[in-house]
Protein backbone atom coordinates (compact mmCIF):
# COMPACT_ATOMS: atom_id res chain seq x y z
CA MET A 1 -62.09 68.79 83.57
CA ALA A 2 -64.27 65.86 82.51
CA HIS A 3 -66.53 66.16 79.48
CA GLU A 4 -69.89 67.55 80.54
CA ILE A 5 -72.85 65.33 79.65
CA THR A 6 -75.94 67.12 78.37
CA PHE A 7 -79.23 65.67 79.59
CA THR A 8 -82.67 66.09 78.04
CA GLU A 9 -85.99 65.89 79.88
CA GLU A 10 -88.26 65.77 76.83
CA THR A 11 -87.61 62.32 75.39
CA ASP A 12 -89.71 59.70 73.65
CA SER A 13 -89.79 57.40 76.69
CA LEU A 14 -91.07 60.22 78.90
CA GLU A 15 -93.80 61.33 76.49
CA GLY A 16 -97.02 61.99 78.39
CA ILE A 17 -95.37 61.82 81.80
CA GLU A 18 -97.41 63.11 84.75
CA LEU A 19 -94.99 65.12 86.85
CA THR A 20 -95.01 65.16 90.63
CA PRO A 21 -94.81 68.55 92.40
CA GLU A 22 -91.09 67.83 92.98
CA GLY A 23 -90.61 66.91 89.32
CA LYS A 24 -91.87 70.33 88.25
CA LYS A 25 -89.03 72.00 90.13
CA ALA A 26 -85.68 72.55 88.41
CA GLN A 27 -82.85 70.22 89.33
CA LYS A 28 -80.03 71.88 91.29
CA GLU A 29 -76.65 71.97 89.61
CA LEU A 30 -74.69 71.47 92.83
CA GLU A 31 -75.37 70.77 96.49
CA PHE A 32 -72.98 70.60 99.44
CA VAL A 33 -74.17 67.95 101.90
CA LYS A 34 -73.06 69.17 105.32
CA GLU A 35 -75.25 67.09 107.65
CA ALA A 36 -73.38 64.01 108.88
CA SER A 37 -76.60 62.03 109.38
CA ARG A 38 -77.66 62.68 105.80
CA ALA A 39 -74.24 61.90 104.34
CA GLU A 40 -74.09 58.67 106.33
CA LEU A 41 -77.12 57.43 104.40
CA LEU A 42 -74.82 56.98 101.42
CA ASP A 43 -72.47 54.86 103.49
CA ASP A 44 -74.28 51.91 101.93
CA PRO A 45 -73.00 50.38 98.67
CA VAL A 46 -76.44 49.92 97.08
CA ARG A 47 -77.70 53.43 97.85
CA LEU A 48 -74.43 54.93 96.66
CA GLU A 49 -74.63 52.88 93.45
CA ILE A 50 -78.19 54.06 92.71
CA VAL A 51 -77.16 57.70 93.14
CA LYS A 52 -74.16 57.16 90.84
CA ILE A 53 -76.28 55.44 88.18
CA LEU A 54 -78.79 58.30 88.23
CA ARG A 55 -75.91 60.65 87.60
CA GLN A 56 -74.76 58.62 84.60
CA GLY A 57 -78.24 58.48 83.06
CA ILE A 58 -79.39 56.39 80.11
CA GLN A 59 -79.63 56.68 76.33
CA ASP A 60 -82.99 57.66 74.79
CA THR A 61 -84.38 59.25 71.64
CA GLN A 62 -86.15 62.51 70.96
CA THR A 63 -88.56 62.75 68.03
CA THR A 64 -89.73 66.08 66.63
CA ARG A 65 -92.38 66.65 63.99
CA GLU A 66 -92.56 69.76 61.82
CA PHE A 67 -95.32 70.40 59.28
CA ASN A 68 -94.15 71.94 56.01
CA GLU A 69 -97.03 73.97 54.57
CA GLU A 70 -95.34 74.40 51.19
CA ASN A 71 -95.42 70.72 50.27
CA ASN A 72 -98.05 69.68 52.83
CA GLU A 73 -95.70 67.16 54.43
CA THR A 74 -94.71 66.39 58.01
CA ILE A 75 -90.97 66.20 58.58
CA ILE A 76 -90.02 63.76 61.33
CA ARG A 77 -86.60 63.99 62.94
CA LYS A 78 -85.26 61.58 65.54
CA LYS A 79 -82.01 62.02 67.42
CA GLU A 80 -80.25 60.23 70.24
CA VAL A 81 -80.22 62.04 73.57
CA ARG A 82 -79.39 61.22 77.16
CA ARG A 83 -81.60 61.60 80.22
CA ASN A 84 -80.87 61.32 83.94
CA ILE A 85 -84.49 60.50 84.81
CA MET A 86 -84.78 56.74 85.18
CA SER A 87 -87.15 53.95 86.13
CA VAL A 88 -86.25 51.08 88.46
CA THR A 89 -85.97 48.72 85.49
CA GLU A 90 -83.52 51.10 83.81
CA ILE A 91 -81.44 51.50 86.97
CA VAL A 92 -81.13 47.71 87.18
CA LYS A 93 -80.32 47.44 83.46
CA VAL A 94 -77.52 50.00 83.61
CA SER A 95 -76.04 48.33 86.70
CA GLU A 96 -75.95 44.99 84.84
CA GLU A 97 -74.63 46.28 81.52
CA ASN A 98 -72.12 48.92 82.61
CA GLU A 99 -68.96 47.48 84.16
CA GLN A 100 -68.23 50.65 86.13
CA PHE A 101 -71.22 49.92 88.39
CA ASN A 102 -71.95 47.13 90.84
CA LYS A 103 -75.16 45.23 90.14
CA VAL A 104 -78.38 46.48 91.73
CA THR A 105 -81.40 44.16 91.86
CA LYS A 106 -84.97 45.31 91.41
CA ASN A 107 -85.80 44.48 95.03
CA GLN A 108 -82.80 46.49 96.23
CA ALA A 109 -83.82 49.49 94.15
CA TYR A 110 -87.40 49.45 95.46
CA TYR A 111 -86.12 49.09 99.03
CA HIS A 112 -83.49 51.85 98.94
CA LEU A 113 -85.15 54.50 96.73
CA PRO A 114 -87.64 55.57 99.46
CA LYS A 115 -84.68 56.09 101.83
CA LEU A 116 -82.90 58.22 99.25
CA ILE A 117 -86.09 60.20 98.68
CA GLU A 118 -86.54 60.74 102.42
CA ALA A 119 -82.96 62.04 102.67
CA ASN A 120 -83.58 64.37 99.71
CA PHE A 121 -80.99 62.82 97.41
CA VAL A 122 -83.62 61.58 94.95
CA ILE A 123 -87.16 62.58 93.97
CA LYS A 124 -89.95 60.67 92.32
CA TYR A 125 -90.01 62.70 89.11
CA GLY A 126 -93.22 61.48 87.52
CA THR A 127 -95.30 58.60 86.18
CA VAL A 128 -95.90 57.34 82.65
CA GLU A 129 -99.00 55.28 81.89
CA THR A 130 -98.84 53.03 78.83
CA GLY A 131 -101.95 50.92 78.47
CA ASP A 132 -102.29 48.93 81.68
CA ARG A 133 -98.69 49.56 82.70
CA THR A 134 -97.61 52.33 85.06
CA THR A 135 -93.94 53.29 85.31
CA ASP A 136 -92.47 55.61 87.93
CA TYR A 137 -89.36 57.65 87.12
CA TYR A 138 -86.76 59.03 89.51
CA ARG A 139 -84.16 61.81 89.40
CA ARG A 140 -81.43 63.14 91.66
CA THR A 141 -82.21 66.40 93.47
CA ALA A 142 -78.87 67.78 92.23
CA ARG A 143 -76.61 66.90 89.33
CA SER A 144 -73.58 67.00 91.62
CA PHE A 145 -73.31 66.31 95.33
CA VAL A 146 -70.28 67.30 97.39
CA LEU A 147 -70.23 65.30 100.62
CA THR A 148 -68.29 66.98 103.38
CA ARG A 149 -67.84 64.20 105.92
CA GLY A 150 -64.71 62.05 105.73
CA ARG A 151 -64.43 58.62 104.18
CA ILE A 152 -68.13 58.53 103.32
CA VAL A 153 -67.30 60.76 100.36
CA THR A 154 -66.15 57.62 98.56
CA GLY A 155 -65.55 54.09 99.72
CA GLN A 156 -62.05 52.74 100.36
CA LYS A 157 -62.25 50.46 97.33
CA GLU A 158 -63.38 53.26 95.02
CA VAL A 159 -60.66 55.62 96.28
CA ARG A 160 -57.99 53.03 95.60
CA GLU A 161 -59.34 52.08 92.16
CA ARG A 162 -59.50 55.73 91.13
CA ASN A 163 -55.91 56.37 92.20
CA GLU A 164 -54.69 53.16 90.52
CA LYS A 165 -56.29 54.41 87.30
CA HIS A 166 -54.63 57.80 87.82
CA VAL A 167 -51.18 56.21 88.25
CA LYS A 168 -51.66 53.97 85.18
CA LEU A 169 -52.53 57.02 83.07
CA LEU A 170 -49.57 58.91 84.51
CA SER A 171 -47.19 56.08 83.60
CA ARG A 172 -48.62 55.69 80.11
CA VAL A 173 -48.47 59.36 79.16
CA PHE A 174 -45.25 60.43 80.92
CA ASP A 175 -41.85 58.74 80.85
CA LEU A 176 -41.12 58.76 84.58
CA GLY A 177 -39.26 55.48 84.89
CA LEU A 178 -41.52 54.18 87.65
CA SER A 179 -41.17 50.53 88.58
CA GLU A 180 -44.18 48.43 89.54
CA GLU A 181 -43.13 48.84 93.16
CA ASP A 182 -42.96 52.62 92.70
CA LYS A 183 -46.43 52.67 91.18
CA GLU A 184 -47.89 50.69 94.08
CA LYS A 185 -46.21 52.99 96.60
CA LEU A 186 -47.51 56.05 94.74
CA VAL A 187 -51.05 54.68 94.94
CA GLU A 188 -50.66 54.20 98.69
CA LEU A 189 -49.39 57.78 99.09
CA LEU A 190 -52.26 59.18 97.02
CA VAL A 191 -54.82 57.30 99.12
CA SER A 192 -53.20 58.58 102.32
CA ALA A 193 -53.18 62.13 100.95
CA GLU A 194 -56.88 61.87 100.16
CA ASP A 195 -57.54 60.70 103.72
CA THR A 196 -55.74 63.79 105.00
CA ILE A 197 -57.81 66.07 102.77
CA ASN A 198 -61.00 64.41 103.98
CA LYS A 199 -60.18 65.47 107.53
CA ALA A 200 -60.51 69.10 106.42
CA ARG A 201 -63.95 68.70 104.85
CA PRO A 202 -66.11 69.29 107.97
CA GLU A 203 -64.12 72.41 108.89
CA MET A 204 -64.40 73.90 105.40
CA ALA A 205 -68.08 72.92 105.15
CA GLU A 206 -68.85 75.14 108.13
CA ARG A 207 -67.50 78.11 106.17
CA ILE A 208 -69.86 77.70 103.23
CA SER A 209 -72.29 80.61 103.22
CA GLY A 210 -75.58 80.53 101.32
CA ASP A 211 -76.71 78.34 98.43
CA VAL A 212 -74.13 77.21 95.91
CA ALA A 213 -75.28 76.87 92.32
CA ASP A 214 -72.08 77.09 90.28
CA LYS A 215 -70.37 73.76 89.57
CA GLU A 216 -67.05 75.58 89.13
CA VAL A 217 -67.14 76.08 92.90
CA ILE A 218 -66.05 72.43 93.19
CA ASP A 219 -62.59 73.35 91.86
CA THR A 220 -62.36 76.20 94.37
CA TRP A 221 -63.55 73.87 97.14
CA MET A 222 -60.83 71.32 96.34
CA TRP A 223 -58.18 74.06 96.18
CA LEU A 224 -59.30 75.33 99.59
CA LEU A 225 -59.10 71.81 101.04
CA ARG A 226 -55.56 71.37 99.72
CA LEU A 227 -54.55 74.77 101.06
CA TYR A 228 -55.97 73.89 104.48
CA ALA A 229 -54.22 70.52 104.40
CA PHE A 230 -50.84 72.23 104.01
CA GLY A 231 -51.17 73.13 107.68
CA ASP A 232 -50.92 69.42 108.45
CA GLU A 233 -47.31 68.21 108.67
CA GLU A 234 -48.38 64.74 107.55
CA TRP A 235 -49.86 66.21 104.36
CA VAL A 236 -46.64 68.11 103.59
CA LYS A 237 -44.63 64.94 104.19
CA LEU A 238 -46.88 62.96 101.84
CA GLN A 239 -46.44 65.56 99.09
CA ARG A 240 -42.65 65.48 99.55
CA ASN A 241 -42.62 61.68 99.44
CA MET A 242 -44.64 61.70 96.21
CA HIS A 243 -42.31 64.31 94.72
CA ASP A 244 -39.23 62.27 95.63
CA LEU A 245 -40.81 59.07 94.31
CA VAL A 246 -41.72 60.59 90.94
CA PHE A 247 -38.85 63.05 90.42
CA GLY A 248 -36.26 62.01 93.02
CA LYS A 249 -33.97 59.92 90.80
CA GLU A 250 -34.03 62.53 88.05
CA SER A 251 -33.36 65.39 90.51
CA GLN A 252 -30.30 63.63 91.95
CA GLU A 253 -28.59 63.05 88.59
């Protein structure tokens, strides 16, 4: 499981922030997005990028002051923290400086944020006034979204890049004797297997009952999708092909 990032709301940049009614509500840990029309809103590279950047967050500092009555001194401590509440300028900055994201312009952010707010993926968290300058800050409605409608879950390019990274790591850590051709074929099989799993998402989404707050449910959700996919002959064939590709030569010796 990936390292969990801890976010802080009380940071130096957000000092004196005036919260909106939505900003006063706690952020959900996890939300399953079952409505196709809502999920389709993220079938746009810029909107998807903004949501991903808000998940990543940005570095900030947190300063605390403690008065020591014994020596009549104020002790000031400053530490680095991370927050997932961001302004438009910060969203643009992260998109330009972090290679894992595609660039988002300021005009694009201002155009797409209202659409994300309307679809309840993002809220306007609050406003900070510094002199004559007013800065609005935004936050996701949930730390994790699980989209349940097909390819929209991730774009074709992102799916392939993720599986290429997975195969590179596999080859680096394990001595499997895979040729470059084998690696490319394995990537293709992994992408096809993910497509098959995506077909099961709408069916499994209909079986979700009540609100889901535990992020560990994601692991159970993925296990259930794989279990459901085993009823698809194509899925079973893909798994066998991957097994033979990775272990076939060794098994035959």
